[in-house]
Amino acid sequence: MSPASRTLALVAPVAGFLLGFLDFVWITRVPYPFAELGNSTATWAVAAFALGWWVRVGVVRAAVAAVVLLVVAVPAYYLAAALLQGDDPAVIVAPTSLLWMASGVLAGVVFGVAGVWARTTGWRQVVATALPVAVFVEEALRFVGRARTGYPGAWWNVVIDLGLAALLLELVGRTLRVRLLAAAVALPLAVVGTFVFAAVGG
């Protein structure tokens, strides 16, 4: 195993533990509406993307590392809940936890690879740049739905998510052309995402 691979093998699980544990701390310590970022599937997806971006080369390594990140983050989250809030530790291996870990495998592959592709050129760069933007736009659309049903403060979450989407577009998109194309791709991806979440009861 190369030094770079050994570093990645250490970074991915440690980052996953910190993501899950600190995510729970964020939810319980940070005031609303920013606390909702701890409940955000978009936040975890972008964490996987960021790890892939950091890996730079090797989509397989990036995908595996991002999967490890997200899968480890799930039990770390429930461990934090058990230690800090007194929740039942059995929830760490409950069906809901296992389902989230399974989702982490899929999301890790998609967003880990996207992190690498965002540093390339052509259509891969555009799609990869669009993905982290799309997950925050999709989440904003879900909050719009909640706002319409009277969910308190949901419009603040819409503003926060759209602001983060715009920030990611600026940070990840390397040129104005890539940003414009990525924005155009992100919108339909976000709409598809809302239907997927609705179908699975998200």
N, C-alpha and C. Protein backbone atom coordinates (compact mmCIF):
# COMPACT_ATOMS: atom_id res chain seq x y z
N MET A 1 0.85 -1.20 0.00
CA MET A 1 0.00 0.00 0.00
C MET A 1 0.89 1.25 0.00
N SER A 2 0.61 2.17 -0.91
CA SER A 2 1.41 3.38 -1.03
C SER A 2 1.16 4.30 0.15
N PRO A 3 2.11 5.25 0.41
CA PRO A 3 1.88 6.21 1.50
C PRO A 3 0.57 6.97 1.36
N ALA A 4 0.23 7.35 0.12
CA ALA A 4 -1.02 8.07 -0.10
C ALA A 4 -2.22 7.22 0.26
N SER A 5 -2.17 5.93 -0.08
CA SER A 5 -3.27 5.03 0.23
C SER A 5 -3.39 4.81 1.73
N ARG A 6 -2.23 4.70 2.41
CA ARG A 6 -2.27 4.53 3.86
C ARG A 6 -2.86 5.76 4.54
N THR A 7 -2.51 6.94 4.02
CA THR A 7 -3.07 8.17 4.58
C THR A 7 -4.58 8.20 4.40
N LEU A 8 -5.03 7.83 3.22
CA LEU A 8 -6.47 7.81 2.93
C LEU A 8 -7.19 6.79 3.79
N ALA A 9 -6.55 5.63 4.01
CA ALA A 9 -7.15 4.59 4.84
C ALA A 9 -7.33 5.06 6.28
N LEU A 10 -6.50 5.98 6.70
CA LEU A 10 -6.63 6.54 8.05
C LEU A 10 -7.62 7.70 8.07
N VAL A 11 -7.54 8.57 7.07
CA VAL A 11 -8.35 9.78 7.05
C VAL A 11 -9.84 9.45 6.92
N ALA A 12 -10.20 8.52 6.04
CA ALA A 12 -11.61 8.26 5.75
C ALA A 12 -12.40 7.83 7.00
N PRO A 13 -11.94 6.81 7.76
CA PRO A 13 -12.73 6.43 8.95
C PRO A 13 -12.71 7.48 10.05
N VAL A 14 -11.57 8.16 10.24
CA VAL A 14 -11.50 9.21 11.26
C VAL A 14 -12.44 10.35 10.90
N ALA A 15 -12.42 10.76 9.62
CA ALA A 15 -13.32 11.82 9.16
C ALA A 15 -14.77 11.39 9.29
N GLY A 16 -15.04 10.11 9.02
CA GLY A 16 -16.40 9.60 9.16
C GLY A 16 -16.89 9.66 10.60
N PHE A 17 -16.02 9.25 11.52
CA PHE A 17 -16.39 9.31 12.95
C PHE A 17 -16.66 10.75 13.36
N LEU A 18 -15.80 11.67 12.95
CA LEU A 18 -15.98 13.08 13.32
C LEU A 18 -17.25 13.65 12.69
N LEU A 19 -17.52 13.27 11.44
CA LEU A 19 -18.72 13.75 10.76
C LEU A 19 -19.97 13.34 11.53
N GLY A 20 -20.07 12.06 11.87
CA GLY A 20 -21.26 11.58 12.56
C GLY A 20 -21.38 12.12 13.97
N PHE A 21 -20.30 12.08 14.73
CA PHE A 21 -20.34 12.51 16.13
C PHE A 21 -20.60 14.01 16.23
N LEU A 22 -19.84 14.80 15.46
CA LEU A 22 -20.00 16.26 15.53
C LEU A 22 -21.31 16.71 14.91
N ASP A 23 -21.85 15.91 13.98
CA ASP A 23 -23.16 16.23 13.41
C ASP A 23 -24.22 16.23 14.50
N PHE A 24 -24.17 15.23 15.38
CA PHE A 24 -25.15 15.18 16.48
C PHE A 24 -24.92 16.34 17.44
N VAL A 25 -23.66 16.65 17.73
CA VAL A 25 -23.36 17.78 18.60
C VAL A 25 -23.91 19.07 17.99
N TRP A 26 -23.75 19.22 16.68
CA TRP A 26 -24.24 20.41 15.97
C TRP A 26 -25.75 20.54 16.17
N ILE A 27 -26.46 19.45 15.97
CA ILE A 27 -27.92 19.48 16.08
C ILE A 27 -28.37 19.92 17.47
N THR A 28 -27.66 19.46 18.48
CA THR A 28 -28.09 19.73 19.85
C THR A 28 -27.54 21.03 20.43
N ARG A 29 -26.55 21.62 19.79
CA ARG A 29 -25.92 22.81 20.37
C ARG A 29 -26.14 24.08 19.56
N VAL A 30 -26.34 23.95 18.27
CA VAL A 30 -26.46 25.12 17.40
C VAL A 30 -27.93 25.53 17.30
N PRO A 31 -28.23 26.81 17.40
CA PRO A 31 -29.63 27.25 17.36
C PRO A 31 -30.25 27.09 15.97
N TYR A 32 -31.58 26.96 15.97
CA TYR A 32 -32.34 26.91 14.73
C TYR A 32 -32.28 28.30 14.07
N PRO A 33 -32.22 28.42 12.73
CA PRO A 33 -32.41 27.37 11.73
C PRO A 33 -31.13 26.65 11.31
N PHE A 34 -29.97 27.10 11.79
CA PHE A 34 -28.72 26.49 11.34
C PHE A 34 -28.56 25.05 11.85
N ALA A 35 -29.26 24.73 12.93
CA ALA A 35 -29.20 23.36 13.44
C ALA A 35 -29.68 22.35 12.40
N GLU A 36 -30.57 22.78 11.50
CA GLU A 36 -31.10 21.87 10.48
C GLU A 36 -30.01 21.34 9.56
N LEU A 37 -28.89 22.04 9.47
CA LEU A 37 -27.80 21.54 8.63
C LEU A 37 -27.25 20.23 9.18
N GLY A 38 -27.46 19.97 10.46
CA GLY A 38 -27.07 18.69 11.02
C GLY A 38 -27.99 17.56 10.60
N ASN A 39 -29.24 17.88 10.29
CA ASN A 39 -30.20 16.89 9.79
C ASN A 39 -30.16 16.77 8.28
N SER A 40 -29.19 17.43 7.68
CA SER A 40 -29.17 17.58 6.23
C SER A 40 -28.47 16.43 5.52
N THR A 41 -29.20 15.74 4.66
CA THR A 41 -28.57 14.73 3.80
C THR A 41 -27.60 15.39 2.83
N ALA A 42 -27.89 16.63 2.46
CA ALA A 42 -27.01 17.37 1.55
C ALA A 42 -25.65 17.60 2.19
N THR A 43 -25.62 17.90 3.48
CA THR A 43 -24.36 18.13 4.17
C THR A 43 -23.47 16.90 4.11
N TRP A 44 -24.05 15.73 4.34
CA TRP A 44 -23.27 14.49 4.31
C TRP A 44 -22.82 14.17 2.88
N ALA A 45 -23.69 14.42 1.91
CA ALA A 45 -23.31 14.17 0.51
C ALA A 45 -22.15 15.06 0.10
N VAL A 46 -22.18 16.31 0.52
CA VAL A 46 -21.10 17.24 0.16
C VAL A 46 -19.81 16.86 0.91
N ALA A 47 -19.93 16.29 2.11
CA ALA A 47 -18.74 15.79 2.81
C ALA A 47 -18.07 14.69 1.99
N ALA A 48 -18.86 13.79 1.42
CA ALA A 48 -18.31 12.73 0.57
C ALA A 48 -17.69 13.33 -0.69
N PHE A 49 -18.34 14.33 -1.25
CA PHE A 49 -17.80 15.02 -2.42
C PHE A 49 -16.46 15.67 -2.08
N ALA A 50 -16.39 16.32 -0.93
CA ALA A 50 -15.16 17.00 -0.52
C ALA A 50 -14.01 16.01 -0.36
N LEU A 51 -14.31 14.83 0.16
CA LEU A 51 -13.26 13.81 0.30
C LEU A 51 -12.77 13.36 -1.07
N GLY A 52 -13.70 13.16 -2.00
CA GLY A 52 -13.31 12.81 -3.36
C GLY A 52 -12.50 13.90 -4.02
N TRP A 53 -12.87 15.15 -3.76
CA TRP A 53 -12.13 16.30 -4.28
C TRP A 53 -10.70 16.30 -3.73
N TRP A 54 -10.57 15.97 -2.45
CA TRP A 54 -9.26 15.93 -1.81
C TRP A 54 -8.40 14.81 -2.37
N VAL A 55 -9.01 13.66 -2.67
CA VAL A 55 -8.27 12.52 -3.22
C VAL A 55 -7.63 12.89 -4.57
N ARG A 56 -8.34 13.69 -5.35
CA ARG A 56 -7.87 14.22 -6.64
C ARG A 56 -7.82 13.19 -7.76
N VAL A 57 -7.17 12.07 -7.56
CA VAL A 57 -7.04 11.09 -8.64
C VAL A 57 -7.51 9.73 -8.13
N GLY A 58 -7.98 8.92 -9.08
CA GLY A 58 -8.40 7.58 -8.73
C GLY A 58 -9.82 7.51 -8.26
N VAL A 59 -10.75 7.30 -9.19
CA VAL A 59 -12.16 7.28 -8.82
C VAL A 59 -12.50 6.12 -7.90
N VAL A 60 -11.79 5.00 -8.05
CA VAL A 60 -12.07 3.85 -7.18
C VAL A 60 -11.68 4.18 -5.75
N ARG A 61 -10.49 4.74 -5.57
CA ARG A 61 -10.07 5.13 -4.21
C ARG A 61 -11.02 6.17 -3.62
N ALA A 62 -11.41 7.12 -4.44
CA ALA A 62 -12.32 8.16 -3.95
C ALA A 62 -13.66 7.57 -3.55
N ALA A 63 -14.18 6.66 -4.36
CA ALA A 63 -15.48 6.04 -4.06
C ALA A 63 -15.41 5.23 -2.77
N VAL A 64 -14.35 4.42 -2.63
CA VAL A 64 -14.20 3.59 -1.42
C VAL A 64 -14.05 4.47 -0.19
N ALA A 65 -13.23 5.50 -0.29
CA ALA A 65 -13.01 6.39 0.85
C ALA A 65 -14.30 7.11 1.25
N ALA A 66 -15.07 7.56 0.27
CA ALA A 66 -16.32 8.27 0.57
C ALA A 66 -17.35 7.32 1.17
N VAL A 67 -17.37 6.08 0.71
CA VAL A 67 -18.27 5.08 1.30
C VAL A 67 -17.91 4.85 2.77
N VAL A 68 -16.62 4.67 3.03
CA VAL A 68 -16.17 4.48 4.42
C VAL A 68 -16.57 5.68 5.27
N LEU A 69 -16.36 6.88 4.74
CA LEU A 69 -16.72 8.11 5.45
C LEU A 69 -18.17 8.08 5.90
N LEU A 70 -19.08 7.82 4.96
CA LEU A 70 -20.51 7.90 5.27
C LEU A 70 -20.99 6.72 6.10
N VAL A 71 -20.46 5.54 5.84
CA VAL A 71 -20.90 4.36 6.61
C VAL A 71 -20.45 4.46 8.06
N VAL A 72 -19.23 4.92 8.29
CA VAL A 72 -18.74 5.08 9.66
C VAL A 72 -19.49 6.21 10.37
N ALA A 73 -19.88 7.24 9.63
CA ALA A 73 -20.55 8.39 10.23
C ALA A 73 -21.89 8.01 10.87
N VAL A 74 -22.56 7.02 10.32
CA VAL A 74 -23.89 6.65 10.85
C VAL A 74 -23.81 6.11 12.28
N PRO A 75 -23.03 5.04 12.54
CA PRO A 75 -22.95 4.59 13.94
C PRO A 75 -22.31 5.62 14.86
N ALA A 76 -21.41 6.46 14.32
CA ALA A 76 -20.81 7.51 15.15
C ALA A 76 -21.87 8.51 15.60
N TYR A 77 -22.83 8.80 14.73
CA TYR A 77 -23.93 9.70 15.06
C TYR A 77 -24.77 9.11 16.20
N TYR A 78 -25.13 7.83 16.08
CA TYR A 78 -25.96 7.20 17.10
C TYR A 78 -25.18 6.96 18.39
N LEU A 79 -23.86 6.77 18.27
CA LEU A 79 -23.04 6.67 19.47
C LEU A 79 -23.06 7.99 20.24
N ALA A 80 -22.95 9.09 19.51
CA ALA A 80 -23.02 10.41 20.15
C ALA A 80 -24.36 10.58 20.84
N ALA A 81 -25.43 10.13 20.19
CA ALA A 81 -26.77 10.24 20.80
C ALA A 81 -26.84 9.43 22.09
N ALA A 82 -26.20 8.26 22.10
CA ALA A 82 -26.22 7.42 23.29
C ALA A 82 -25.39 8.04 24.41
N LEU A 83 -24.23 8.60 24.08
CA LEU A 83 -23.34 9.15 25.09
C LEU A 83 -23.81 10.50 25.63
N LEU A 84 -24.32 11.33 24.74
CA LEU A 84 -24.65 12.71 25.12
C LEU A 84 -26.11 12.91 25.50
N GLN A 85 -26.97 12.01 25.03
CA GLN A 85 -28.40 12.21 25.26
C GLN A 85 -29.05 11.03 25.97
N GLY A 86 -28.28 9.97 26.17
CA GLY A 86 -28.81 8.81 26.86
C GLY A 86 -29.68 7.91 26.02
N ASP A 87 -29.59 8.02 24.69
CA ASP A 87 -30.37 7.14 23.82
C ASP A 87 -29.91 5.68 23.98
N ASP A 88 -30.77 4.77 23.59
CA ASP A 88 -30.46 3.34 23.66
C ASP A 88 -29.34 3.02 22.65
N PRO A 89 -28.20 2.47 23.10
CA PRO A 89 -27.11 2.14 22.17
C PRO A 89 -27.50 1.12 21.11
N ALA A 90 -28.58 0.36 21.37
CA ALA A 90 -29.02 -0.65 20.41
C ALA A 90 -29.40 -0.03 19.08
N VAL A 91 -29.72 1.27 19.07
CA VAL A 91 -30.12 1.92 17.83
C VAL A 91 -28.97 1.95 16.83
N ILE A 92 -27.74 1.77 17.32
CA ILE A 92 -26.58 1.79 16.42
C ILE A 92 -26.68 0.68 15.38
N VAL A 93 -27.29 -0.44 15.74
CA VAL A 93 -27.42 -1.56 14.80
C VAL A 93 -28.89 -1.81 14.45
N ALA A 94 -29.73 -0.84 14.70
CA ALA A 94 -31.16 -0.97 14.37
C ALA A 94 -31.35 -0.94 12.85
N PRO A 95 -32.49 -1.44 12.36
CA PRO A 95 -32.73 -1.43 10.91
C PRO A 95 -32.61 -0.05 10.28
N THR A 96 -33.06 0.99 10.99
CA THR A 96 -32.95 2.35 10.45
C THR A 96 -31.49 2.73 10.24
N SER A 97 -30.64 2.39 11.19
CA SER A 97 -29.21 2.68 11.08
C SER A 97 -28.60 1.92 9.90
N LEU A 98 -28.97 0.66 9.77
CA LEU A 98 -28.44 -0.14 8.66
C LEU A 98 -28.90 0.40 7.32
N LEU A 99 -30.14 0.90 7.28
CA LEU A 99 -30.65 1.48 6.04
C LEU A 99 -29.87 2.73 5.67
N TRP A 100 -29.56 3.57 6.68
CA TRP A 100 -28.76 4.77 6.40
C TRP A 100 -27.36 4.40 5.94
N MET A 101 -26.80 3.34 6.51
CA MET A 101 -25.47 2.90 6.07
C MET A 101 -25.50 2.41 4.62
N ALA A 102 -26.57 1.69 4.28
CA ALA A 102 -26.72 1.24 2.90
C ALA A 102 -26.84 2.43 1.95
N SER A 103 -27.59 3.44 2.38
CA SER A 103 -27.70 4.65 1.57
C SER A 103 -26.34 5.34 1.44
N GLY A 104 -25.54 5.25 2.51
CA GLY A 104 -24.21 5.84 2.48
C GLY A 104 -23.31 5.19 1.45
N VAL A 105 -23.51 3.90 1.22
CA VAL A 105 -22.71 3.22 0.18
C VAL A 105 -23.00 3.83 -1.18
N LEU A 106 -24.28 3.99 -1.51
CA LEU A 106 -24.65 4.56 -2.80
C LEU A 106 -24.19 6.00 -2.91
N ALA A 107 -24.48 6.81 -1.89
CA ALA A 107 -24.10 8.22 -1.93
C ALA A 107 -22.59 8.38 -1.96
N GLY A 108 -21.88 7.52 -1.24
CA GLY A 108 -20.42 7.60 -1.23
C GLY A 108 -19.82 7.37 -2.60
N VAL A 109 -20.34 6.39 -3.30
CA VAL A 109 -19.84 6.11 -4.66
C VAL A 109 -20.11 7.30 -5.57
N VAL A 110 -21.34 7.78 -5.57
CA VAL A 110 -21.73 8.86 -6.48
C VAL A 110 -20.94 10.14 -6.19
N PHE A 111 -20.93 10.56 -4.93
CA PHE A 111 -20.33 11.85 -4.62
C PHE A 111 -18.81 11.77 -4.47
N GLY A 112 -18.30 10.61 -4.09
CA GLY A 112 -16.85 10.45 -4.07
C GLY A 112 -16.26 10.55 -5.47
N VAL A 113 -16.88 9.86 -6.41
CA VAL A 113 -16.44 9.94 -7.81
C VAL A 113 -16.62 11.36 -8.35
N ALA A 114 -17.74 12.00 -7.99
CA ALA A 114 -17.99 13.36 -8.46
C ALA A 114 -16.90 14.31 -7.99
N GLY A 115 -16.40 14.11 -6.78
CA GLY A 115 -15.34 14.96 -6.28
C GLY A 115 -14.09 14.91 -7.15
N VAL A 116 -13.79 13.73 -7.66
CA VAL A 116 -12.65 13.57 -8.58
C VAL A 116 -12.97 14.17 -9.93
N TRP A 117 -14.16 13.87 -10.44
CA TRP A 117 -14.55 14.38 -11.77
C TRP A 117 -14.59 15.90 -11.82
N ALA A 118 -14.88 16.54 -10.69
CA ALA A 118 -14.97 18.00 -10.68
C ALA A 118 -13.63 18.66 -11.02
N ARG A 119 -12.55 17.90 -10.92
CA ARG A 119 -11.23 18.43 -11.25
C ARG A 119 -10.82 18.11 -12.68
N THR A 120 -11.72 17.47 -13.44
CA THR A 120 -11.40 17.11 -14.82
C THR A 120 -11.96 18.17 -15.77
N THR A 121 -12.25 17.77 -16.99
CA THR A 121 -12.82 18.68 -17.97
C THR A 121 -14.00 18.00 -18.67
N GLY A 122 -14.71 18.76 -19.48
CA GLY A 122 -15.80 18.20 -20.28
C GLY A 122 -17.05 17.95 -19.47
N TRP A 123 -17.88 17.02 -19.97
CA TRP A 123 -19.18 16.79 -19.36
C TRP A 123 -19.06 16.25 -17.93
N ARG A 124 -17.99 15.48 -17.65
CA ARG A 124 -17.82 14.97 -16.30
C ARG A 124 -17.66 16.12 -15.30
N GLN A 125 -16.90 17.13 -15.67
CA GLN A 125 -16.71 18.27 -14.79
C GLN A 125 -18.02 19.00 -14.54
N VAL A 126 -18.82 19.16 -15.59
CA VAL A 126 -20.09 19.87 -15.45
C VAL A 126 -21.04 19.10 -14.53
N VAL A 127 -21.20 17.80 -14.78
CA VAL A 127 -22.10 16.99 -13.96
C VAL A 127 -21.63 16.94 -12.52
N ALA A 128 -20.31 16.76 -12.35
CA ALA A 128 -19.76 16.68 -11.00
C ALA A 128 -19.93 17.99 -10.24
N THR A 129 -19.77 19.10 -10.92
CA THR A 129 -19.98 20.40 -10.29
C THR A 129 -21.44 20.60 -9.93
N ALA A 130 -22.33 20.07 -10.75
CA ALA A 130 -23.77 20.23 -10.52
C ALA A 130 -24.27 19.43 -9.32
N LEU A 131 -23.66 18.28 -9.04
CA LEU A 131 -24.20 17.38 -8.02
C LEU A 131 -24.26 18.00 -6.62
N PRO A 132 -23.17 18.55 -6.08
CA PRO A 132 -23.29 19.13 -4.73
C PRO A 132 -24.22 20.34 -4.69
N VAL A 133 -24.33 21.04 -5.80
CA VAL A 133 -25.27 22.16 -5.89
C VAL A 133 -26.70 21.61 -5.85
N ALA A 134 -26.93 20.55 -6.61
CA ALA A 134 -28.27 19.98 -6.74
C ALA A 134 -28.82 19.47 -5.41
N VAL A 135 -27.95 18.88 -4.56
CA VAL A 135 -28.48 18.32 -3.31
C VAL A 135 -28.98 19.41 -2.37
N PHE A 136 -28.33 20.57 -2.41
CA PHE A 136 -28.82 21.66 -1.57
C PHE A 136 -30.06 22.33 -2.17
N VAL A 137 -30.13 22.40 -3.49
CA VAL A 137 -31.34 22.93 -4.13
C VAL A 137 -32.51 21.99 -3.85
N GLU A 138 -32.26 20.68 -3.96
CA GLU A 138 -33.31 19.70 -3.68
C GLU A 138 -33.81 19.84 -2.25
N GLU A 139 -32.88 20.02 -1.32
CA GLU A 139 -33.28 20.18 0.07
C GLU A 139 -34.09 21.47 0.27
N ALA A 140 -33.69 22.51 -0.44
CA ALA A 140 -34.44 23.77 -0.37
C ALA A 140 -35.87 23.56 -0.87
N LEU A 141 -36.03 22.78 -1.92
CA LEU A 141 -37.37 22.51 -2.44
C LEU A 141 -38.21 21.75 -1.42
N ARG A 142 -37.58 20.85 -0.69
CA ARG A 142 -38.33 20.14 0.36
C ARG A 142 -38.76 21.09 1.46
N PHE A 143 -37.90 22.05 1.79
CA PHE A 143 -38.27 23.02 2.81
C PHE A 143 -39.38 23.96 2.32
N VAL A 144 -39.41 24.22 1.02
CA VAL A 144 -40.53 25.00 0.47
C VAL A 144 -41.84 24.26 0.74
N GLY A 145 -41.83 22.95 0.50
CA GLY A 145 -43.02 22.15 0.77
C GLY A 145 -43.42 22.20 2.24
N ARG A 146 -42.44 22.16 3.13
CA ARG A 146 -42.74 22.23 4.57
C ARG A 146 -43.27 23.62 4.94
N ALA A 147 -42.69 24.65 4.33
CA ALA A 147 -43.14 26.01 4.63
C ALA A 147 -44.61 26.18 4.26
N ARG A 148 -45.02 25.56 3.18
CA ARG A 148 -46.41 25.68 2.75
C ARG A 148 -47.37 24.98 3.69
N THR A 149 -46.86 24.05 4.49
CA THR A 149 -47.72 23.35 5.45
C THR A 149 -47.58 23.94 6.85
N GLY A 150 -46.89 25.08 6.95
CA GLY A 150 -46.79 25.77 8.22
C GLY A 150 -45.62 25.37 9.09
N TYR A 151 -44.63 24.65 8.53
CA TYR A 151 -43.44 24.28 9.29
C TYR A 151 -42.73 25.54 9.73
N PRO A 152 -42.54 25.75 11.04
CA PRO A 152 -41.99 27.02 11.53
C PRO A 152 -40.56 27.27 11.06
N GLY A 153 -40.35 28.45 10.49
CA GLY A 153 -39.01 28.86 10.10
C GLY A 153 -38.45 28.21 8.86
N ALA A 154 -39.28 27.46 8.14
CA ALA A 154 -38.77 26.71 6.99
C ALA A 154 -38.19 27.62 5.91
N TRP A 155 -38.75 28.82 5.78
CA TRP A 155 -38.24 29.72 4.74
C TRP A 155 -36.80 30.11 5.01
N TRP A 156 -36.41 30.18 6.28
CA TRP A 156 -35.00 30.45 6.60
C TRP A 156 -34.11 29.33 6.07
N ASN A 157 -34.58 28.09 6.19
CA ASN A 157 -33.80 26.97 5.68
C ASN A 157 -33.70 26.98 4.17
N VAL A 158 -34.75 27.45 3.51
CA VAL A 158 -34.70 27.61 2.05
C VAL A 158 -33.58 28.58 1.68
N VAL A 159 -33.53 29.70 2.37
CA VAL A 159 -32.51 30.72 2.09
C VAL A 159 -31.11 30.17 2.35
N ILE A 160 -30.93 29.46 3.47
CA ILE A 160 -29.63 28.91 3.82
C ILE A 160 -29.17 27.89 2.78
N ASP A 161 -30.07 26.98 2.39
CA ASP A 161 -29.70 25.94 1.43
C ASP A 161 -29.38 26.53 0.06
N LEU A 162 -30.17 27.49 -0.39
CA LEU A 162 -29.89 28.11 -1.69
C LEU A 162 -28.59 28.91 -1.63
N GLY A 163 -28.32 29.54 -0.49
CA GLY A 163 -27.06 30.25 -0.33
C GLY A 163 -25.87 29.32 -0.41
N LEU A 164 -25.98 28.14 0.24
CA LEU A 164 -24.90 27.16 0.18
C LEU A 164 -24.75 26.59 -1.21
N ALA A 165 -25.86 26.40 -1.91
CA ALA A 165 -25.79 25.92 -3.29
C ALA A 165 -25.03 26.91 -4.17
N ALA A 166 -25.33 28.20 -4.02
CA ALA A 166 -24.64 29.23 -4.79
C ALA A 166 -23.16 29.28 -4.43
N LEU A 167 -22.85 29.13 -3.15
CA LEU A 167 -21.45 29.15 -2.72
C LEU A 167 -20.68 27.96 -3.31
N LEU A 168 -21.29 26.78 -3.30
CA LEU A 168 -20.63 25.61 -3.87
C LEU A 168 -20.42 25.76 -5.37
N LEU A 169 -21.40 26.34 -6.04
CA LEU A 169 -21.26 26.57 -7.48
C LEU A 169 -20.06 27.46 -7.76
N GLU A 170 -19.89 28.48 -6.93
CA GLU A 170 -18.76 29.40 -7.10
C GLU A 170 -17.43 28.73 -6.77
N LEU A 171 -17.41 27.93 -5.71
CA LEU A 171 -16.16 27.32 -5.26
C LEU A 171 -15.71 26.16 -6.15
N VAL A 172 -16.66 25.36 -6.60
CA VAL A 172 -16.31 24.15 -7.35
C VAL A 172 -16.17 24.44 -8.84
N GLY A 173 -17.05 25.27 -9.38
CA GLY A 173 -16.99 25.60 -10.80
C GLY A 173 -15.75 26.42 -11.12
N ARG A 174 -14.93 25.94 -12.02
CA ARG A 174 -13.65 26.59 -12.27
C ARG A 174 -13.73 27.77 -13.22
N THR A 175 -14.75 27.77 -14.05
CA THR A 175 -14.92 28.88 -14.99
C THR A 175 -16.38 29.29 -15.01
N LEU A 176 -16.65 30.46 -15.56
CA LEU A 176 -18.03 30.93 -15.66
C LEU A 176 -18.85 29.98 -16.51
N ARG A 177 -18.27 29.47 -17.58
CA ARG A 177 -18.99 28.54 -18.46
C ARG A 177 -19.39 27.28 -17.71
N VAL A 178 -18.46 26.73 -16.94
CA VAL A 178 -18.77 25.52 -16.17
C VAL A 178 -19.86 25.81 -15.15
N ARG A 179 -19.79 26.96 -14.50
CA ARG A 179 -20.81 27.31 -13.50
C ARG A 179 -22.19 27.42 -14.12
N LEU A 180 -22.27 28.07 -15.27
CA LEU A 180 -23.56 28.23 -15.93
C LEU A 180 -24.13 26.89 -16.37
N LEU A 181 -23.29 26.05 -16.95
CA LEU A 181 -23.75 24.73 -17.38
C LEU A 181 -24.14 23.87 -16.18
N ALA A 182 -23.35 23.95 -15.12
CA ALA A 182 -23.64 23.16 -13.92
C ALA A 182 -24.95 23.61 -13.28
N ALA A 183 -25.20 24.92 -13.27
CA ALA A 183 -26.46 25.42 -12.72
C ALA A 183 -27.64 24.88 -13.52
N ALA A 184 -27.49 24.83 -14.84
CA ALA A 184 -28.56 24.32 -15.71
C ALA A 184 -28.80 22.83 -15.47
N VAL A 185 -27.73 22.09 -15.18
CA VAL A 185 -27.86 20.66 -14.92
C VAL A 185 -28.39 20.40 -13.51
N ALA A 186 -27.98 21.25 -12.56
CA ALA A 186 -28.37 21.04 -11.16
C ALA A 186 -29.87 21.15 -10.95
N LEU A 187 -30.52 22.04 -11.66
CA LEU A 187 -31.96 22.25 -11.44
C LEU A 187 -32.79 21.00 -11.73
N PRO A 188 -32.64 20.37 -12.91
CA PRO A 188 -33.41 19.14 -13.13
C PRO A 188 -33.00 18.01 -12.19
N LEU A 189 -31.71 17.94 -11.83
CA LEU A 189 -31.28 16.93 -10.87
C LEU A 189 -31.98 17.12 -9.53
N ALA A 190 -32.11 18.38 -9.12
CA ALA A 190 -32.78 18.69 -7.85
C ALA A 190 -34.25 18.29 -7.90
N VAL A 191 -34.91 18.54 -9.01
CA VAL A 191 -36.32 18.17 -9.15
C VAL A 191 -36.48 16.67 -9.08
N VAL A 192 -35.60 15.94 -9.78
CA VAL A 192 -35.64 14.47 -9.72
C VAL A 192 -35.44 14.01 -8.28
N GLY A 193 -34.50 14.66 -7.58
CA GLY A 193 -34.24 14.30 -6.19
C GLY A 193 -35.45 14.46 -5.29
N THR A 194 -36.24 15.50 -5.52
CA THR A 194 -37.44 15.70 -4.69
C THR A 194 -38.44 14.56 -4.89
N PHE A 195 -38.57 14.09 -6.13
CA PHE A 195 -39.46 12.96 -6.38
C PHE A 195 -38.95 11.68 -5.75
N VAL A 196 -37.62 11.50 -5.78
CA VAL A 196 -37.03 10.31 -5.16
C VAL A 196 -37.28 10.33 -3.65
N PHE A 197 -37.05 11.46 -3.01
CA PHE A 197 -37.29 11.55 -1.57
C PHE A 197 -38.75 11.35 -1.24
N ALA A 198 -39.63 11.89 -2.07
CA ALA A 198 -41.06 11.71 -1.83
C ALA A 198 -41.44 10.23 -1.95
N ALA A 199 -40.81 9.54 -2.90
CA ALA A 199 -41.13 8.12 -3.12
C ALA A 199 -40.68 7.24 -1.96
N VAL A 200 -39.54 7.61 -1.34
CA VAL A 200 -39.01 6.79 -0.24
C VAL A 200 -39.45 7.32 1.13
N GLY A 201 -40.27 8.38 1.09
CA GLY A 201 -40.78 8.91 2.35
C GLY A 201 -39.81 9.79 3.09
N GLY A 202 -38.86 10.47 2.33
CA GLY A 202 -37.87 11.31 2.97
C GLY A 202 -38.42 12.65 3.36
